[in-house]
PDB file of N, CA and C in Angstrom:
ATOM      1  N   UNK A   1     -22.958   1.589 -18.639  1.00  0.00           N
ATOM      2  CA  UNK A   1     -21.772   2.019 -19.363  1.00  0.00           C
ATOM      3  C   UNK A   1     -20.589   2.042 -18.406  1.00  0.00           C
ATOM      4  N   UNK A   2     -19.551   1.274 -18.714  1.00  0.00           N
ATOM      5  CA  UNK A   2     -18.371   1.183 -17.870  1.00  0.00           C
ATOM      6  C   UNK A   2     -17.307   2.136 -18.403  1.00  0.00           C
ATOM      7  N   UNK A   3     -16.991   3.177 -17.640  1.00  0.00           N
ATOM      8  CA  UNK A   3     -16.022   4.186 -18.073  1.00  0.00           C
ATOM      9  C   UNK A   3     -14.734   3.985 -17.291  1.00  0.00           C
ATOM     10  N   UNK A   4     -13.614   3.929 -18.011  1.00  0.00           N
ATOM     11  CA  UNK A   4     -12.314   3.793 -17.356  1.00  0.00           C
ATOM     12  C   UNK A   4     -11.989   5.092 -16.614  1.00  0.00           C
ATOM     13  N   UNK A   5     -11.525   4.981 -15.350  1.00  0.00           N
ATOM     14  CA  UNK A   5     -11.139   6.204 -14.640  1.00  0.00           C
ATOM     15  C   UNK A   5      -9.883   6.803 -15.259  1.00  0.00           C
ATOM     16  N   UNK A   6      -9.715   8.093 -15.088  1.00  0.00           N
ATOM     17  CA  UNK A   6      -8.514   8.755 -15.572  1.00  0.00           C
ATOM     18  C   UNK A   6      -7.309   8.208 -14.808  1.00  0.00           C
ATOM     19  N   UNK A   7      -6.134   8.185 -15.441  1.00  0.00           N
ATOM     20  CA  UNK A   7      -4.960   7.699 -14.718  1.00  0.00           C
ATOM     21  C   UNK A   7      -4.609   8.639 -13.571  1.00  0.00           C
ATOM     22  N   UNK A   8      -3.963   8.088 -12.560  1.00  0.00           N
ATOM     23  CA  UNK A   8      -3.575   8.865 -11.394  1.00  0.00           C
ATOM     24  C   UNK A   8      -2.531   9.902 -11.783  1.00  0.00           C
ATOM     25  N   UNK A   9      -2.770  11.158 -11.423  1.00  0.00           N
ATOM     26  CA  UNK A   9      -1.864  12.263 -11.738  1.00  0.00           C
ATOM     27  C   UNK A   9      -0.988  12.531 -10.520  1.00  0.00           C
ATOM     28  N   UNK A  10       0.197  11.912 -10.497  1.00  0.00           N
ATOM     29  CA  UNK A  10       1.108  12.061  -9.356  1.00  0.00           C
ATOM     30  C   UNK A  10       1.461  13.521  -9.116  1.00  0.00           C
ATOM     31  N   UNK A  11       1.642  14.274 -10.176  1.00  0.00           N
ATOM     32  CA  UNK A  11       2.042  15.688 -10.045  1.00  0.00           C
ATOM     33  C   UNK A  11       0.984  16.521  -9.322  1.00  0.00           C
ATOM     34  N   UNK A  12      -0.262  16.112  -9.418  1.00  0.00           N
ATOM     35  CA  UNK A  12      -1.338  16.872  -8.777  1.00  0.00           C
ATOM     36  C   UNK A  12      -1.513  16.502  -7.311  1.00  0.00           C
ATOM     37  N   UNK A  13      -0.981  15.338  -6.891  1.00  0.00           N
ATOM     38  CA  UNK A  13      -1.234  14.863  -5.532  1.00  0.00           C
ATOM     39  C   UNK A  13       0.007  14.726  -4.666  1.00  0.00           C
ATOM     40  N   UNK A  14       1.058  14.130  -5.185  1.00  0.00           N
ATOM     41  CA  UNK A  14       2.234  13.825  -4.372  1.00  0.00           C
ATOM     42  C   UNK A  14       2.994  15.109  -4.055  1.00  0.00           C
ATOM     43  N   UNK A  15       3.244  15.335  -2.775  1.00  0.00           N
ATOM     44  CA  UNK A  15       4.028  16.496  -2.341  1.00  0.00           C
ATOM     45  C   UNK A  15       3.300  17.817  -2.442  1.00  0.00           C
ATOM     46  N   UNK A  16       1.996  17.797  -2.536  1.00  0.00           N
ATOM     47  CA  UNK A  16       1.233  19.039  -2.671  1.00  0.00           C
ATOM     48  C   UNK A  16       0.555  19.453  -1.368  1.00  0.00           C
ATOM     49  N   UNK A  17       0.794  18.710  -0.285  1.00  0.00           N
ATOM     50  CA  UNK A  17       0.218  19.072   1.006  1.00  0.00           C
ATOM     51  C   UNK A  17      -1.273  18.822   1.092  1.00  0.00           C
ATOM     52  N   UNK A  18      -1.803  18.002   0.198  1.00  0.00           N
ATOM     53  CA  UNK A  18      -3.234  17.709   0.224  1.00  0.00           C
ATOM     54  C   UNK A  18      -3.534  16.703   1.326  1.00  0.00           C
ATOM     55  N   UNK A  19      -4.682  16.842   1.944  1.00  0.00           N
ATOM     56  CA  UNK A  19      -5.126  15.924   2.976  1.00  0.00           C
ATOM     57  C   UNK A  19      -6.278  15.083   2.449  1.00  0.00           C
ATOM     58  N   UNK A  20      -6.374  13.869   2.986  1.00  0.00           N
ATOM     59  CA  UNK A  20      -7.513  13.025   2.632  1.00  0.00           C
ATOM     60  C   UNK A  20      -8.751  13.674   3.232  1.00  0.00           C
ATOM     61  N   UNK A  21      -9.801  13.858   2.466  1.00  0.00           N
ATOM     62  CA  UNK A  21     -10.999  14.504   3.006  1.00  0.00           C
ATOM     63  C   UNK A  21     -11.666  13.669   4.087  1.00  0.00           C
ATOM     64  N   UNK A  22     -12.447  14.336   4.930  1.00  0.00           N
ATOM     65  CA  UNK A  22     -13.177  13.624   5.987  1.00  0.00           C
ATOM     66  C   UNK A  22     -14.039  12.519   5.391  1.00  0.00           C
ATOM     67  N   UNK A  23     -14.590  12.770   4.223  1.00  0.00           N
ATOM     68  CA  UNK A  23     -15.385  11.760   3.537  1.00  0.00           C
ATOM     69  C   UNK A  23     -14.579  11.261   2.341  1.00  0.00           C
ATOM     70  N   UNK A  24     -13.831  10.143   2.506  1.00  0.00           N
ATOM     71  CA  UNK A  24     -12.980   9.675   1.406  1.00  0.00           C
ATOM     72  C   UNK A  24     -13.746   9.312   0.145  1.00  0.00           C
ATOM     73  N   UNK A  25     -15.072   9.186   0.242  1.00  0.00           N
ATOM     74  CA  UNK A  25     -15.844   8.897  -0.971  1.00  0.00           C
ATOM     75  C   UNK A  25     -15.772  10.050  -1.955  1.00  0.00           C
ATOM     76  N   UNK A  26     -15.320  11.218  -1.485  1.00  0.00           N
ATOM     77  CA  UNK A  26     -15.180  12.372  -2.361  1.00  0.00           C
ATOM     78  C   UNK A  26     -13.886  12.373  -3.162  1.00  0.00           C
ATOM     79  N   UNK A  27     -13.023  11.385  -2.932  1.00  0.00           N
ATOM     80  CA  UNK A  27     -11.764  11.307  -3.673  1.00  0.00           C
ATOM     81  C   UNK A  27     -12.015  10.895  -5.120  1.00  0.00           C
ATOM     82  N   UNK A  28     -11.107  11.334  -5.990  1.00  0.00           N
ATOM     83  CA  UNK A  28     -11.156  10.871  -7.377  1.00  0.00           C
ATOM     84  C   UNK A  28     -10.943   9.364  -7.398  1.00  0.00           C
ATOM     85  N   UNK A  29     -11.593   8.670  -8.301  1.00  0.00           N
ATOM     86  CA  UNK A  29     -11.428   7.218  -8.418  1.00  0.00           C
ATOM     87  C   UNK A  29      -9.978   6.861  -8.726  1.00  0.00           C
ATOM     88  N   UNK A  30      -9.276   7.737  -9.449  1.00  0.00           N
ATOM     89  CA  UNK A  30      -7.871   7.447  -9.782  1.00  0.00           C
ATOM     90  C   UNK A  30      -7.014   7.396  -8.522  1.00  0.00           C
ATOM     91  N   UNK A  31      -7.313   8.229  -7.529  1.00  0.00           N
ATOM     92  CA  UNK A  31      -6.557   8.224  -6.273  1.00  0.00           C
ATOM     93  C   UNK A  31      -6.848   6.935  -5.509  1.00  0.00           C
ATOM     94  N   UNK A  32      -8.098   6.549  -5.462  1.00  0.00           N
ATOM     95  CA  UNK A  32      -8.496   5.313  -4.784  1.00  0.00           C
ATOM     96  C   UNK A  32      -7.813   4.114  -5.443  1.00  0.00           C
ATOM     97  N   UNK A  33      -7.832   4.048  -6.770  1.00  0.00           N
ATOM     98  CA  UNK A  33      -7.203   2.942  -7.502  1.00  0.00           C
ATOM     99  C   UNK A  33      -5.703   2.900  -7.231  1.00  0.00           C
ATOM    100  N   UNK A  34      -5.053   4.073  -7.209  1.00  0.00           N
ATOM    101  CA  UNK A  34      -3.616   4.153  -6.960  1.00  0.00           C
ATOM    102  C   UNK A  34      -3.284   3.610  -5.569  1.00  0.00           C
ATOM    103  N   UNK A  35      -4.041   4.032  -4.564  1.00  0.00           N
ATOM    104  CA  UNK A  35      -3.793   3.572  -3.193  1.00  0.00           C
ATOM    105  C   UNK A  35      -4.033   2.077  -3.066  1.00  0.00           C
ATOM    106  N   UNK A  36      -5.080   1.575  -3.690  1.00  0.00           N
ATOM    107  CA  UNK A  36      -5.351   0.137  -3.636  1.00  0.00           C
ATOM    108  C   UNK A  36      -4.222  -0.660  -4.292  1.00  0.00           C
ATOM    109  N   UNK A  37      -3.664  -0.128  -5.369  1.00  0.00           N
ATOM    110  CA  UNK A  37      -2.557  -0.793  -6.050  1.00  0.00           C
ATOM    111  C   UNK A  37      -1.339  -0.875  -5.132  1.00  0.00           C
ATOM    112  N   UNK A  38      -1.061   0.198  -4.398  1.00  0.00           N
ATOM    113  CA  UNK A  38       0.089   0.207  -3.494  1.00  0.00           C
ATOM    114  C   UNK A  38      -0.089  -0.782  -2.346  1.00  0.00           C
ATOM    115  N   UNK A  39      -1.338  -1.034  -1.944  1.00  0.00           N
ATOM    116  CA  UNK A  39      -1.604  -1.891  -0.796  1.00  0.00           C
ATOM    117  C   UNK A  39      -1.799  -3.357  -1.154  1.00  0.00           C
ATOM    118  N   UNK A  40      -1.829  -3.689  -2.443  1.00  0.00           N
ATOM    119  CA  UNK A  40      -2.032  -5.084  -2.854  1.00  0.00           C
ATOM    120  C   UNK A  40      -0.821  -5.938  -2.510  1.00  0.00           C
ATOM    121  N   UNK A  41      -1.093  -7.149  -2.072  1.00  0.00           N
ATOM    122  CA  UNK A  41      -0.024  -8.111  -1.819  1.00  0.00           C
ATOM    123  C   UNK A  41       0.408  -8.667  -3.174  1.00  0.00           C
ATOM    124  N   UNK A  42       1.706  -8.635  -3.472  1.00  0.00           N
ATOM    125  CA  UNK A  42       2.165  -9.142  -4.772  1.00  0.00           C
ATOM    126  C   UNK A  42       1.757 -10.602  -4.975  1.00  0.00           C
ATOM    127  N   UNK A  43       1.360 -10.967  -6.201  1.00  0.00           N
ATOM    128  CA  UNK A  43       0.912 -12.333  -6.484  1.00  0.00           C
ATOM    129  C   UNK A  43       1.923 -13.403  -6.085  1.00  0.00           C
ATOM    130  N   UNK A  44       3.222 -13.151  -6.254  1.00  0.00           N
ATOM    131  CA  UNK A  44       4.229 -14.155  -5.898  1.00  0.00           C
ATOM    132  C   UNK A  44       4.207 -14.444  -4.401  1.00  0.00           C
ATOM    133  N   UNK A  45       3.974 -13.422  -3.591  1.00  0.00           N
ATOM    134  CA  UNK A  45       3.898 -13.608  -2.140  1.00  0.00           C
ATOM    135  C   UNK A  45       2.663 -14.428  -1.793  1.00  0.00           C
ATOM    136  N   UNK A  46       1.555 -14.109  -2.422  1.00  0.00           N
ATOM    137  CA  UNK A  46       0.316 -14.857  -2.166  1.00  0.00           C
ATOM    138  C   UNK A  46       0.503 -16.321  -2.558  1.00  0.00           C
ATOM    139  N   UNK A  47       1.089 -16.553  -3.712  1.00  0.00           N
ATOM    140  CA  UNK A  47       1.258 -17.919  -4.216  1.00  0.00           C
ATOM    141  C   UNK A  47       2.145 -18.759  -3.302  1.00  0.00           C
ATOM    142  N   UNK A  48       3.208 -18.167  -2.770  1.00  0.00           N
ATOM    143  CA  UNK A  48       4.167 -18.942  -1.983  1.00  0.00           C
ATOM    144  C   UNK A  48       3.889 -18.929  -0.482  1.00  0.00           C
ATOM    145  N   UNK A  49       3.059 -18.018  -0.018  1.00  0.00           N
ATOM    146  CA  UNK A  49       2.878 -17.880   1.428  1.00  0.00           C
ATOM    147  C   UNK A  49       1.503 -18.271   1.940  1.00  0.00           C
ATOM    148  N   UNK A  50       0.520 -18.317   1.076  1.00  0.00           N
ATOM    149  CA  UNK A  50      -0.847 -18.581   1.508  1.00  0.00           C
ATOM    150  C   UNK A  50      -1.394 -19.818   0.795  1.00  0.00           C
ATOM    151  N   UNK A  51      -2.323 -20.516   1.445  1.00  0.00           N
ATOM    152  CA  UNK A  51      -2.915 -21.675   0.772  1.00  0.00           C
ATOM    153  C   UNK A  51      -3.786 -21.234  -0.404  1.00  0.00           C
ATOM    154  N   UNK A  52      -3.989 -22.119  -1.318  1.00  0.00           N
ATOM    155  CA  UNK A  52      -4.814 -21.849  -2.492  1.00  0.00           C
ATOM    156  C   UNK A  52      -6.251 -21.522  -2.074  1.00  0.00           C
ATOM    157  N   UNK A  53      -6.908 -20.694  -2.856  1.00  0.00           N
ATOM    158  CA  UNK A  53      -8.328 -20.391  -2.614  1.00  0.00           C
ATOM    159  C   UNK A  53      -9.194 -21.633  -2.798  1.00  0.00           C
ATOM    160  N   UNK A  54      -8.666 -22.620  -3.506  1.00  0.00           N
ATOM    161  CA  UNK A  54      -9.427 -23.845  -3.782  1.00  0.00           C
ATOM    162  C   UNK A  54      -9.087 -24.971  -2.804  1.00  0.00           C
ATOM    163  N   UNK A  55      -8.267 -24.676  -1.807  1.00  0.00           N
ATOM    164  CA  UNK A  55      -7.862 -25.709  -0.852  1.00  0.00           C
ATOM    165  C   UNK A  55      -9.055 -26.156  -0.011  1.00  0.00           C
ATOM    166  N   UNK A  56      -9.078 -27.431   0.306  1.00  0.00           N
ATOM    167  CA  UNK A  56     -10.140 -27.941   1.173  1.00  0.00           C
ATOM    168  C   UNK A  56      -9.891 -27.443   2.602  1.00  0.00           C
ATOM    169  N   UNK A  57     -10.878 -27.578   3.448  1.00  0.00           N
ATOM    170  CA  UNK A  57     -10.793 -27.074   4.813  1.00  0.00           C
ATOM    171  C   UNK A  57      -9.619 -27.693   5.554  1.00  0.00           C
ATOM    172  N   UNK A  58      -9.408 -29.000   5.378  1.00  0.00           N
ATOM    173  CA  UNK A  58      -8.315 -29.678   6.084  1.00  0.00           C
ATOM    174  C   UNK A  58      -6.961 -29.079   5.697  1.00  0.00           C
ATOM    175  N   UNK A  59      -6.740 -28.879   4.400  1.00  0.00           N
ATOM    176  CA  UNK A  59      -5.476 -28.284   3.941  1.00  0.00           C
ATOM    177  C   UNK A  59      -5.358 -26.851   4.451  1.00  0.00           C
ATOM    178  N   UNK A  60      -6.453 -26.100   4.373  1.00  0.00           N
ATOM    179  CA  UNK A  60      -6.433 -24.700   4.800  1.00  0.00           C
ATOM    180  C   UNK A  60      -6.081 -24.581   6.283  1.00  0.00           C
ATOM    181  N   UNK A  61      -6.701 -25.410   7.116  1.00  0.00           N
ATOM    182  CA  UNK A  61      -6.481 -25.289   8.561  1.00  0.00           C
ATOM    183  C   UNK A  61      -5.132 -25.841   9.003  1.00  0.00           C
ATOM    184  N   UNK A  62      -4.478 -26.667   8.182  1.00  0.00           N
ATOM    185  CA  UNK A  62      -3.166 -27.191   8.559  1.00  0.00           C
ATOM    186  C   UNK A  62      -2.019 -26.416   7.917  1.00  0.00           C
ATOM    187  N   UNK A  63      -2.359 -25.470   7.070  1.00  0.00           N
ATOM    188  CA  UNK A  63      -1.326 -24.665   6.403  1.00  0.00           C
ATOM    189  C   UNK A  63      -0.643 -23.759   7.432  1.00  0.00           C
ATOM    190  N   UNK A  64       0.684 -23.714   7.389  1.00  0.00           N
ATOM    191  CA  UNK A  64       1.404 -22.822   8.295  1.00  0.00           C
ATOM    192  C   UNK A  64       1.855 -21.590   7.522  1.00  0.00           C
ATOM    193  N   UNK A  65       1.636 -20.461   8.111  1.00  0.00           N
ATOM    194  CA  UNK A  65       2.061 -19.207   7.499  1.00  0.00           C
ATOM    195  C   UNK A  65       3.562 -19.025   7.712  1.00  0.00           C
ATOM    196  N   UNK A  66       4.179 -18.172   6.913  1.00  0.00           N
ATOM    197  CA  UNK A  66       5.622 -17.945   7.091  1.00  0.00           C
ATOM    198  C   UNK A  66       5.908 -17.423   8.500  1.00  0.00           C
ATOM    199  N   UNK A  67       7.058 -17.810   9.012  1.00  0.00           N
ATOM    200  CA  UNK A  67       7.464 -17.381  10.338  1.00  0.00           C
ATOM    201  C   UNK A  67       7.741 -15.878  10.314  1.00  0.00           C
ATOM    202  N   UNK A  68       7.197 -15.130  11.273  1.00  0.00           N
ATOM    203  CA  UNK A  68       7.485 -13.695  11.309  1.00  0.00           C
ATOM    204  C   UNK A  68       8.985 -13.471  11.530  1.00  0.00           C
ATOM    205  N   UNK A  69       9.480 -12.439  10.935  1.00  0.00           N
ATOM    206  CA  UNK A  69      10.903 -12.142  11.072  1.00  0.00           C
ATOM    207  C   UNK A  69      11.112 -11.058  12.111  1.00  0.00           C
ATOM    208  N   UNK A  70      12.211 -11.152  12.790  1.00  0.00           N
ATOM    209  CA  UNK A  70      12.550 -10.107  13.754  1.00  0.00           C
ATOM    210  C   UNK A  70      13.699  -9.274  13.216  1.00  0.00           C
ATOM    211  N   UNK A  71      14.025  -9.456  11.947  1.00  0.00           N
ATOM    212  CA  UNK A  71      15.150  -8.731  11.369  1.00  0.00           C
ATOM    213  C   UNK A  71      14.768  -7.355  10.830  1.00  0.00           C
ATOM    214  N   UNK A  72      13.495  -7.007  10.950  1.00  0.00           N
ATOM    215  CA  UNK A  72      13.088  -5.688  10.484  1.00  0.00           C
ATOM    216  C   UNK A  72      13.639  -4.627  11.416  1.00  0.00           C
ATOM    217  N   UNK A  73      14.149  -3.582  10.844  1.00  0.00           N
ATOM    218  CA  UNK A  73      14.690  -2.489  11.653  1.00  0.00           C
ATOM    219  C   UNK A  73      13.533  -1.680  12.225  1.00  0.00           C
ATOM    220  N   UNK A  74      13.565  -1.489  13.505  1.00  0.00           N
ATOM    221  CA  UNK A  74      12.541  -0.674  14.161  1.00  0.00           C
ATOM    222  C   UNK A  74      13.141   0.707  14.407  1.00  0.00           C
ATOM    223  N   UNK A  75      12.565   1.695  13.780  1.00  0.00           N
ATOM    224  CA  UNK A  75      13.060   3.062  13.897  1.00  0.00           C
ATOM    225  C   UNK A  75      12.019   3.882  14.629  1.00  0.00           C
ATOM    226  N   UNK A  76      12.471   4.623  15.599  1.00  0.00           N
ATOM    227  CA  UNK A  76      11.565   5.486  16.349  1.00  0.00           C
ATOM    228  C   UNK A  76      11.061   6.605  15.428  1.00  0.00           C
ATOM    229  N   UNK A  77       9.779   6.941  15.492  1.00  0.00           N
ATOM    230  CA  UNK A  77       9.235   7.995  14.630  1.00  0.00           C
ATOM    231  C   UNK A  77       9.969   9.327  14.759  1.00  0.00           C
ATOM    232  N   UNK A  78      10.488   9.621  15.929  1.00  0.00           N
ATOM    233  CA  UNK A  78      11.196  10.887  16.118  1.00  0.00           C
ATOM    234  C   UNK A  78      12.432  10.984  15.225  1.00  0.00           C
ATOM    235  N   UNK A  79      12.981   9.841  14.807  1.00  0.00           N
ATOM    236  CA  UNK A  79      14.158   9.843  13.939  1.00  0.00           C
ATOM    237  C   UNK A  79      13.793   9.897  12.462  1.00  0.00           C
ATOM    238  N   UNK A  80      12.512   9.845  12.134  1.00  0.00           N
ATOM    239  CA  UNK A  80      12.078   9.831  10.737  1.00  0.00           C
ATOM    240  C   UNK A  80      11.761  11.220  10.199  1.00  0.00           C
ATOM    241  N   UNK A  81      11.565  12.177  11.076  1.00  0.00           N
ATOM    242  CA  UNK A  81      11.126  13.494  10.656  1.00  0.00           C
ATOM    243  C   UNK A  81      12.069  14.556  11.221  1.00  0.00           C
ATOM    244  N   UNK A  82      12.163  15.664  10.527  1.00  0.00           N
ATOM    245  CA  UNK A  82      12.947  16.783  11.033  1.00  0.00           C
ATOM    246  C   UNK A  82      12.308  18.073  10.540  1.00  0.00           C
ATOM    247  N   UNK A  83      12.630  19.182  11.172  1.00  0.00           N
ATOM    248  CA  UNK A  83      11.965  20.450  10.819  1.00  0.00           C
ATOM    249  C   UNK A  83      12.499  21.104   9.548  1.00  0.00           C
ATOM    250  N   UNK A  84      13.595  20.607   8.975  1.00  0.00           N
ATOM    251  CA  UNK A  84      14.158  21.251   7.784  1.00  0.00           C
ATOM    252  C   UNK A  84      13.244  21.006   6.581  1.00  0.00           C
ATOM    253  N   UNK A  85      13.179  22.005   5.735  1.00  0.00           N
ATOM    254  CA  UNK A  85      12.416  21.893   4.488  1.00  0.00           C
ATOM    255  C   UNK A  85      13.153  20.930   3.549  1.00  0.00           C
ATOM    256  N   UNK A  86      12.433  20.147   2.750  1.00  0.00           N
ATOM    257  CA  UNK A  86      13.115  19.269   1.798  1.00  0.00           C
ATOM    258  C   UNK A  86      13.821  20.087   0.724  1.00  0.00           C
ATOM    259  N   UNK A  87      14.917  19.525   0.196  1.00  0.00           N
ATOM    260  CA  UNK A  87      15.621  20.234  -0.887  1.00  0.00           C
ATOM    261  C   UNK A  87      15.202  19.626  -2.217  1.00  0.00           C
ATOM    262  N   UNK A  88      15.507  20.328  -3.279  1.00  0.00           N
ATOM    263  CA  UNK A  88      15.109  19.863  -4.608  1.00  0.00           C
ATOM    264  C   UNK A  88      16.274  19.264  -5.387  1.00  0.00           C
ATOM    265  N   UNK A  89      17.489  19.328  -4.849  1.00  0.00           N
ATOM    266  CA  UNK A  89      18.633  18.859  -5.614  1.00  0.00           C
ATOM    267  C   UNK A  89      19.050  17.434  -5.284  1.00  0.00           C
ATOM    268  N   UNK A  90      18.346  16.778  -4.381  1.00  0.00           N
ATOM    269  CA  UNK A  90      18.627  15.393  -4.054  1.00  0.00           C
ATOM    270  C   UNK A  90      19.843  15.192  -3.176  1.00  0.00           C
ATOM    271  N   UNK A  91      20.400  16.251  -2.644  1.00  0.00           N
ATOM    272  CA  UNK A  91      21.578  16.108  -1.766  1.00  0.00           C
ATOM    273  C   UNK A  91      21.204  16.227  -0.321  1.00  0.00           C
TER     274      UNK A  91
END
C-alpha cells in the first residue's frame, strides 16, 4: 500500500529552532521530501548543461560542462550573522 506523505508544514519547522536529529531517519518523510525538492537541479539547467542520459560514451566523454563563473559574490561568514534578534515587521 503506497501512502502519500503529509505535506510539509513550514509553520512547524521553519524558524522554530529545531535541529536535525543525530539519526536523520527519524525525520518526518515530509521534511525529507521538502529538503530533496530544494536540492534538485532544475530540469532546464540539466537539459542545457549536461549531456543526455541516452548519450553514447563518445558524446558523453567529449561533452564540455559550462565554464565556472567567478562573478559570484564571496561573502565572509562573519558578515552574514549578527547577535541582534530578528524583527517581525520586515524593517
